[in-house]
């Protein structure tokens, strides 16, 4: 694999890790908000968490596409 592909893949991985960690932290905050009775805040926080989970999934698909492209070029 070329260094440029490796660098791009590492950048995607860093973004995925960041988004997934942020999503987890926000979900925990949402749970605390819900337990304290702040239901509207909890719902908003869950939306933010969901958006970051989606970004993580999108990053994974971009990595899969990159891997497929590299495999196609190696043939």
PDB file of N, CA and C in Angstrom:
ATOM      1  N   UNK A   1       0.847  -1.173   0.000  1.00  0.00           N
ATOM      2  CA  UNK A   1       0.000   0.000   0.000  1.00  0.00           C
ATOM      3  C   UNK A   1       0.894   1.239   0.000  1.00  0.00           C
ATOM      4  N   UNK A   2       0.528   2.183  -0.826  1.00  0.00           N
ATOM      5  CA  UNK A   2       1.305   3.412  -0.930  1.00  0.00           C
ATOM      6  C   UNK A   2       1.174   4.239   0.355  1.00  0.00           C
ATOM      7  N   UNK A   3       2.210   5.028   0.603  1.00  0.00           N
ATOM      8  CA  UNK A   3       2.204   5.864   1.805  1.00  0.00           C
ATOM      9  C   UNK A   3       1.034   6.838   1.812  1.00  0.00           C
ATOM     10  N   UNK A   4       0.674   7.360   0.647  1.00  0.00           N
ATOM     11  CA  UNK A   4      -0.436   8.319   0.600  1.00  0.00           C
ATOM     12  C   UNK A   4      -1.748   7.653   1.019  1.00  0.00           C
ATOM     13  N   UNK A   5      -1.954   6.387   0.603  1.00  0.00           N
ATOM     14  CA  UNK A   5      -3.161   5.661   1.010  1.00  0.00           C
ATOM     15  C   UNK A   5      -3.131   5.377   2.512  1.00  0.00           C
ATOM     16  N   UNK A   6      -1.959   5.015   2.996  1.00  0.00           N
ATOM     17  CA  UNK A   6      -1.811   4.736   4.429  1.00  0.00           C
ATOM     18  C   UNK A   6      -2.115   5.991   5.259  1.00  0.00           C
ATOM     19  N   UNK A   7      -1.610   7.119   4.820  1.00  0.00           N
ATOM     20  CA  UNK A   7      -1.865   8.382   5.524  1.00  0.00           C
ATOM     21  C   UNK A   7      -3.348   8.730   5.516  1.00  0.00           C
ATOM     22  N   UNK A   8      -3.992   8.537   4.371  1.00  0.00           N
ATOM     23  CA  UNK A   8      -5.417   8.815   4.266  1.00  0.00           C
ATOM     24  C   UNK A   8      -6.211   7.874   5.169  1.00  0.00           C
ATOM     25  N   UNK A   9      -5.855   6.599   5.173  1.00  0.00           N
ATOM     26  CA  UNK A   9      -6.540   5.630   6.011  1.00  0.00           C
ATOM     27  C   UNK A   9      -6.354   5.978   7.492  1.00  0.00           C
ATOM     28  N   UNK A  10      -5.152   6.363   7.873  1.00  0.00           N
ATOM     29  CA  UNK A  10      -4.910   6.760   9.261  1.00  0.00           C
ATOM     30  C   UNK A  10      -5.739   7.985   9.647  1.00  0.00           C
ATOM     31  N   UNK A  11      -5.875   8.922   8.723  1.00  0.00           N
ATOM     32  CA  UNK A  11      -6.690  10.107   8.994  1.00  0.00           C
ATOM     33  C   UNK A  11      -8.151   9.716   9.203  1.00  0.00           C
ATOM     34  N   UNK A  12      -8.667   8.824   8.351  1.00  0.00           N
ATOM     35  CA  UNK A  12     -10.040   8.335   8.527  1.00  0.00           C
ATOM     36  C   UNK A  12     -10.189   7.640   9.876  1.00  0.00           C
ATOM     37  N   UNK A  13      -9.219   6.796  10.231  1.00  0.00           N
ATOM     38  CA  UNK A  13      -9.288   6.067  11.499  1.00  0.00           C
ATOM     39  C   UNK A  13      -9.297   7.018  12.690  1.00  0.00           C
ATOM     40  N   UNK A  14      -8.479   8.050  12.642  1.00  0.00           N
ATOM     41  CA  UNK A  14      -8.466   9.030  13.734  1.00  0.00           C
ATOM     42  C   UNK A  14      -9.822   9.722  13.870  1.00  0.00           C
ATOM     43  N   UNK A  15     -10.422  10.061  12.742  1.00  0.00           N
ATOM     44  CA  UNK A  15     -11.744  10.702  12.766  1.00  0.00           C
ATOM     45  C   UNK A  15     -12.802   9.752  13.318  1.00  0.00           C
ATOM     46  N   UNK A  16     -12.731   8.491  12.916  1.00  0.00           N
ATOM     47  CA  UNK A  16     -13.693   7.504  13.396  1.00  0.00           C
ATOM     48  C   UNK A  16     -13.590   7.350  14.908  1.00  0.00           C
ATOM     49  N   UNK A  17     -12.378   7.192  15.388  1.00  0.00           N
ATOM     50  CA  UNK A  17     -12.172   7.028  16.830  1.00  0.00           C
ATOM     51  C   UNK A  17     -12.692   8.249  17.579  1.00  0.00           C
ATOM     52  N   UNK A  18     -12.403   9.419  17.079  1.00  0.00           N
ATOM     53  CA  UNK A  18     -12.861  10.653  17.718  1.00  0.00           C
ATOM     54  C   UNK A  18     -14.380  10.731  17.739  1.00  0.00           C
ATOM     55  N   UNK A  19     -15.014  10.462  16.602  1.00  0.00           N
ATOM     56  CA  UNK A  19     -16.476  10.521  16.529  1.00  0.00           C
ATOM     57  C   UNK A  19     -17.126   9.488  17.436  1.00  0.00           C
ATOM     58  N   UNK A  20     -16.611   8.263  17.443  1.00  0.00           N
ATOM     59  CA  UNK A  20     -17.215   7.217  18.261  1.00  0.00           C
ATOM     60  C   UNK A  20     -17.026   7.488  19.752  1.00  0.00           C
ATOM     61  N   UNK A  21     -15.878   7.997  20.131  1.00  0.00           N
ATOM     62  CA  UNK A  21     -15.649   8.342  21.535  1.00  0.00           C
ATOM     63  C   UNK A  21     -16.555   9.499  21.950  1.00  0.00           C
ATOM     64  N   UNK A  22     -16.673  10.496  21.096  1.00  0.00           N
ATOM     65  CA  UNK A  22     -17.542  11.635  21.391  1.00  0.00           C
ATOM     66  C   UNK A  22     -18.989  11.169  21.512  1.00  0.00           C
ATOM     67  N   UNK A  23     -19.415  10.294  20.611  1.00  0.00           N
ATOM     68  CA  UNK A  23     -20.783   9.772  20.649  1.00  0.00           C
ATOM     69  C   UNK A  23     -21.045   9.053  21.970  1.00  0.00           C
ATOM     70  N   UNK A  24     -20.099   8.253  22.421  1.00  0.00           N
ATOM     71  CA  UNK A  24     -20.251   7.527  23.678  1.00  0.00           C
ATOM     72  C   UNK A  24     -20.350   8.492  24.861  1.00  0.00           C
ATOM     73  N   UNK A  25     -19.465   9.481  24.884  1.00  0.00           N
ATOM     74  CA  UNK A  25     -19.476  10.445  25.990  1.00  0.00           C
ATOM     75  C   UNK A  25     -20.776  11.238  26.033  1.00  0.00           C
ATOM     76  N   UNK A  26     -21.241  11.668  24.881  1.00  0.00           N
ATOM     77  CA  UNK A  26     -22.490  12.434  24.815  1.00  0.00           C
ATOM     78  C   UNK A  26     -23.673  11.559  25.234  1.00  0.00           C
ATOM     79  N   UNK A  27     -23.669  10.286  24.859  1.00  0.00           N
ATOM     80  CA  UNK A  27     -24.742   9.376  25.261  1.00  0.00           C
ATOM     81  C   UNK A  27     -24.765   9.213  26.779  1.00  0.00           C
ATOM     82  N   UNK A  28     -23.599   9.144  27.393  1.00  0.00           N
ATOM     83  CA  UNK A  28     -23.537   9.049  28.854  1.00  0.00           C
ATOM     84  C   UNK A  28     -24.097  10.305  29.505  1.00  0.00           C
ATOM     85  N   UNK A  29     -23.769  11.445  28.943  1.00  0.00           N
ATOM     86  CA  UNK A  29     -24.315  12.704  29.468  1.00  0.00           C
ATOM     87  C   UNK A  29     -25.829  12.726  29.302  1.00  0.00           C
ATOM     88  N   UNK A  30     -26.314  12.239  28.169  1.00  0.00           N
ATOM     89  CA  UNK A  30     -27.762  12.186  27.927  1.00  0.00           C
ATOM     90  C   UNK A  30     -28.451  11.314  28.981  1.00  0.00           C
ATOM     91  N   UNK A  31     -27.837  10.193  29.321  1.00  0.00           N
ATOM     92  CA  UNK A  31     -28.411   9.334  30.366  1.00  0.00           C
ATOM     93  C   UNK A  31     -28.499  10.063  31.697  1.00  0.00           C
ATOM     94  N   UNK A  32     -27.434  10.785  32.040  1.00  0.00           N
ATOM     95  CA  UNK A  32     -27.441  11.544  33.297  1.00  0.00           C
ATOM     96  C   UNK A  32     -28.520  12.636  33.281  1.00  0.00           C
ATOM     97  N   UNK A  33     -28.659  13.281  32.128  1.00  0.00           N
ATOM     98  CA  UNK A  33     -29.691  14.315  32.006  1.00  0.00           C
ATOM     99  C   UNK A  33     -31.082  13.709  32.187  1.00  0.00           C
ATOM    100  N   UNK A  34     -31.293  12.553  31.578  1.00  0.00           N
ATOM    101  CA  UNK A  34     -32.603  11.904  31.685  1.00  0.00           C
ATOM    102  C   UNK A  34     -32.893  11.501  33.135  1.00  0.00           C
ATOM    103  N   UNK A  35     -31.895  10.958  33.810  1.00  0.00           N
ATOM    104  CA  UNK A  35     -32.091  10.557  35.206  1.00  0.00           C
ATOM    105  C   UNK A  35     -32.383  11.749  36.107  1.00  0.00           C
ATOM    106  N   UNK A  36     -31.897  12.912  35.718  1.00  0.00           N
ATOM    107  CA  UNK A  36     -32.152  14.103  36.530  1.00  0.00           C
ATOM    108  C   UNK A  36     -33.448  14.814  36.127  1.00  0.00           C
ATOM    109  N   UNK A  37     -34.132  14.264  35.120  1.00  0.00           N
ATOM    110  CA  UNK A  37     -35.417  14.833  34.714  1.00  0.00           C
ATOM    111  C   UNK A  37     -35.350  15.819  33.563  1.00  0.00           C
ATOM    112  N   UNK A  38     -34.180  16.029  33.012  1.00  0.00           N
ATOM    113  CA  UNK A  38     -34.035  16.966  31.889  1.00  0.00           C
ATOM    114  C   UNK A  38     -34.240  16.205  30.579  1.00  0.00           C
ATOM    115  N   UNK A  39     -35.487  15.820  30.326  1.00  0.00           N
ATOM    116  CA  UNK A  39     -35.797  14.949  29.185  1.00  0.00           C
ATOM    117  C   UNK A  39     -35.537  15.600  27.833  1.00  0.00           C
ATOM    118  N   UNK A  40     -35.829  16.886  27.700  1.00  0.00           N
ATOM    119  CA  UNK A  40     -35.592  17.566  26.430  1.00  0.00           C
ATOM    120  C   UNK A  40     -34.098  17.671  26.127  1.00  0.00           C
ATOM    121  N   UNK A  41     -33.328  17.961  27.158  1.00  0.00           N
ATOM    122  CA  UNK A  41     -31.875  18.041  26.983  1.00  0.00           C
ATOM    123  C   UNK A  41     -31.332  16.660  26.618  1.00  0.00           C
ATOM    124  N   UNK A  42     -31.830  15.616  27.285  1.00  0.00           N
ATOM    125  CA  UNK A  42     -31.385  14.251  26.997  1.00  0.00           C
ATOM    126  C   UNK A  42     -31.681  13.878  25.546  1.00  0.00           C
ATOM    127  N   UNK A  43     -32.862  14.236  25.074  1.00  0.00           N
ATOM    128  CA  UNK A  43     -33.222  13.926  23.683  1.00  0.00           C
ATOM    129  C   UNK A  43     -32.304  14.661  22.708  1.00  0.00           C
ATOM    130  N   UNK A  44     -32.006  15.904  22.999  1.00  0.00           N
ATOM    131  CA  UNK A  44     -31.111  16.666  22.116  1.00  0.00           C
ATOM    132  C   UNK A  44     -29.709  16.064  22.131  1.00  0.00           C
ATOM    133  N   UNK A  45     -29.248  15.680  23.304  1.00  0.00           N
ATOM    134  CA  UNK A  45     -27.914  15.074  23.410  1.00  0.00           C
ATOM    135  C   UNK A  45     -27.869  13.744  22.656  1.00  0.00           C
ATOM    136  N   UNK A  46     -28.947  12.982  22.708  1.00  0.00           N
ATOM    137  CA  UNK A  46     -28.982  11.707  21.967  1.00  0.00           C
ATOM    138  C   UNK A  46     -28.919  11.954  20.460  1.00  0.00           C
ATOM    139  N   UNK A  47     -29.534  13.024  20.006  1.00  0.00           N
ATOM    140  CA  UNK A  47     -29.433  13.365  18.581  1.00  0.00           C
ATOM    141  C   UNK A  47     -27.994  13.684  18.194  1.00  0.00           C
ATOM    142  N   UNK A  48     -27.313  14.422  19.039  1.00  0.00           N
ATOM    143  CA  UNK A  48     -25.904  14.740  18.777  1.00  0.00           C
ATOM    144  C   UNK A  48     -25.084  13.456  18.763  1.00  0.00           C
ATOM    145  N   UNK A  49     -25.332  12.590  19.742  1.00  0.00           N
ATOM    146  CA  UNK A  49     -24.619  11.314  19.820  1.00  0.00           C
ATOM    147  C   UNK A  49     -24.866  10.481  18.559  1.00  0.00           C
ATOM    148  N   UNK A  50     -26.114  10.413  18.146  1.00  0.00           N
ATOM    149  CA  UNK A  50     -26.480   9.644  16.948  1.00  0.00           C
ATOM    150  C   UNK A  50     -25.760  10.188  15.713  1.00  0.00           C
ATOM    151  N   UNK A  51     -25.686  11.496  15.593  1.00  0.00           N
ATOM    152  CA  UNK A  51     -24.995  12.093  14.443  1.00  0.00           C
ATOM    153  C   UNK A  51     -23.528  11.697  14.404  1.00  0.00           C
ATOM    154  N   UNK A  52     -22.896  11.632  15.557  1.00  0.00           N
ATOM    155  CA  UNK A  52     -21.483  11.240  15.589  1.00  0.00           C
ATOM    156  C   UNK A  52     -21.313   9.747  15.322  1.00  0.00           C
ATOM    157  N   UNK A  53     -22.266   8.942  15.752  1.00  0.00           N
ATOM    158  CA  UNK A  53     -22.211   7.513  15.413  1.00  0.00           C
ATOM    159  C   UNK A  53     -22.338   7.324  13.900  1.00  0.00           C
ATOM    160  N   UNK A  54     -23.221   8.086  13.299  1.00  0.00           N
ATOM    161  CA  UNK A  54     -23.393   8.020  11.840  1.00  0.00           C
ATOM    162  C   UNK A  54     -22.108   8.441  11.143  1.00  0.00           C
ATOM    163  N   UNK A  55     -21.472   9.494  11.625  1.00  0.00           N
ATOM    164  CA  UNK A  55     -20.201   9.929  11.024  1.00  0.00           C
ATOM    165  C   UNK A  55     -19.148   8.830  11.134  1.00  0.00           C
ATOM    166  N   UNK A  56     -19.150   8.104  12.245  1.00  0.00           N
ATOM    167  CA  UNK A  56     -18.230   6.981  12.404  1.00  0.00           C
ATOM    168  C   UNK A  56     -18.494   5.891  11.380  1.00  0.00           C
ATOM    169  N   UNK A  57     -19.755   5.588  11.164  1.00  0.00           N
ATOM    170  CA  UNK A  57     -20.134   4.581  10.163  1.00  0.00           C
ATOM    171  C   UNK A  57     -19.724   5.045   8.768  1.00  0.00           C
ATOM    172  N   UNK A  58     -19.966   6.312   8.475  1.00  0.00           N
ATOM    173  CA  UNK A  58     -19.571   6.852   7.173  1.00  0.00           C
ATOM    174  C   UNK A  58     -18.060   6.755   6.981  1.00  0.00           C
ATOM    175  N   UNK A  59     -17.302   7.025   8.026  1.00  0.00           N
ATOM    176  CA  UNK A  59     -15.845   6.902   7.942  1.00  0.00           C
ATOM    177  C   UNK A  59     -15.426   5.477   7.651  1.00  0.00           C
ATOM    178  N   UNK A  60     -16.106   4.523   8.271  1.00  0.00           N
ATOM    179  CA  UNK A  60     -15.799   3.111   8.014  1.00  0.00           C
ATOM    180  C   UNK A  60     -16.078   2.732   6.552  1.00  0.00           C
ATOM    181  N   UNK A  61     -17.144   3.288   5.991  1.00  0.00           N
ATOM    182  CA  UNK A  61     -17.426   2.989   4.589  1.00  0.00           C
ATOM    183  C   UNK A  61     -16.376   3.620   3.679  1.00  0.00           C
ATOM    184  N   UNK A  62     -15.873   4.774   4.062  1.00  0.00           N
ATOM    185  CA  UNK A  62     -14.822   5.407   3.261  1.00  0.00           C
ATOM    186  C   UNK A  62     -13.532   4.590   3.317  1.00  0.00           C
ATOM    187  N   UNK A  63     -13.246   4.016   4.466  1.00  0.00           N
ATOM    188  CA  UNK A  63     -12.072   3.146   4.559  1.00  0.00           C
ATOM    189  C   UNK A  63     -12.261   1.915   3.694  1.00  0.00           C
ATOM    190  N   UNK A  64     -13.451   1.326   3.732  1.00  0.00           N
ATOM    191  CA  UNK A  64     -13.721   0.145   2.900  1.00  0.00           C
ATOM    192  C   UNK A  64     -13.560   0.474   1.419  1.00  0.00           C
ATOM    193  N   UNK A  65     -14.031   1.650   1.012  1.00  0.00           N
ATOM    194  CA  UNK A  65     -13.884   2.059  -0.387  1.00  0.00           C
ATOM    195  C   UNK A  65     -12.424   2.257  -0.746  1.00  0.00           C
ATOM    196  N   UNK A  66     -11.664   2.825   0.175  1.00  0.00           N
ATOM    197  CA  UNK A  66     -10.238   3.027  -0.054  1.00  0.00           C
ATOM    198  C   UNK A  66      -9.508   1.697  -0.189  1.00  0.00           C
ATOM    199  N   UNK A  67      -9.834   0.751   0.681  1.00  0.00           N
ATOM    200  CA  UNK A  67      -9.232  -0.583   0.622  1.00  0.00           C
ATOM    201  C   UNK A  67      -9.566  -1.258  -0.698  1.00  0.00           C
ATOM    202  N   UNK A  68     -10.823  -1.142  -1.134  1.00  0.00           N
ATOM    203  CA  UNK A  68     -11.233  -1.731  -2.419  1.00  0.00           C
ATOM    204  C   UNK A  68     -10.488  -1.087  -3.575  1.00  0.00           C
ATOM    205  N   UNK A  69     -10.311   0.216  -3.516  1.00  0.00           N
ATOM    206  CA  UNK A  69      -9.581   0.916  -4.577  1.00  0.00           C
ATOM    207  C   UNK A  69      -8.128   0.457  -4.627  1.00  0.00           C
ATOM    208  N   UNK A  70      -7.509   0.343  -3.462  1.00  0.00           N
ATOM    209  CA  UNK A  70      -6.106  -0.097  -3.409  1.00  0.00           C
ATOM    210  C   UNK A  70      -5.992  -1.526  -3.934  1.00  0.00           C
ATOM    211  N   UNK A  71      -6.923  -2.380  -3.565  1.00  0.00           N
ATOM    212  CA  UNK A  71      -6.909  -3.762  -4.035  1.00  0.00           C
ATOM    213  C   UNK A  71      -7.086  -3.822  -5.545  1.00  0.00           C
ATOM    214  N   UNK A  72      -7.953  -2.961  -6.088  1.00  0.00           N
ATOM    215  CA  UNK A  72      -8.166  -2.916  -7.527  1.00  0.00           C
ATOM    216  C   UNK A  72      -6.941  -2.440  -8.285  1.00  0.00           C
ATOM    217  N   UNK A  73      -6.212  -1.510  -7.688  1.00  0.00           N
ATOM    218  CA  UNK A  73      -4.995  -1.001  -8.328  1.00  0.00           C
ATOM    219  C   UNK A  73      -3.857  -2.005  -8.253  1.00  0.00           C
ATOM    220  N   UNK A  74      -3.923  -2.909  -7.279  1.00  0.00           N
ATOM    221  CA  UNK A  74      -2.847  -3.893  -7.114  1.00  0.00           C
ATOM    222  C   UNK A  74      -2.968  -5.035  -8.124  1.00  0.00           C
ATOM    223  N   UNK A  75      -4.146  -5.166  -8.706  1.00  0.00           N
ATOM    224  CA  UNK A  75      -4.357  -6.263  -9.668  1.00  0.00           C
ATOM    225  C   UNK A  75      -3.709  -6.017 -10.989  1.00  0.00           C
TER     226      UNK A  75
END
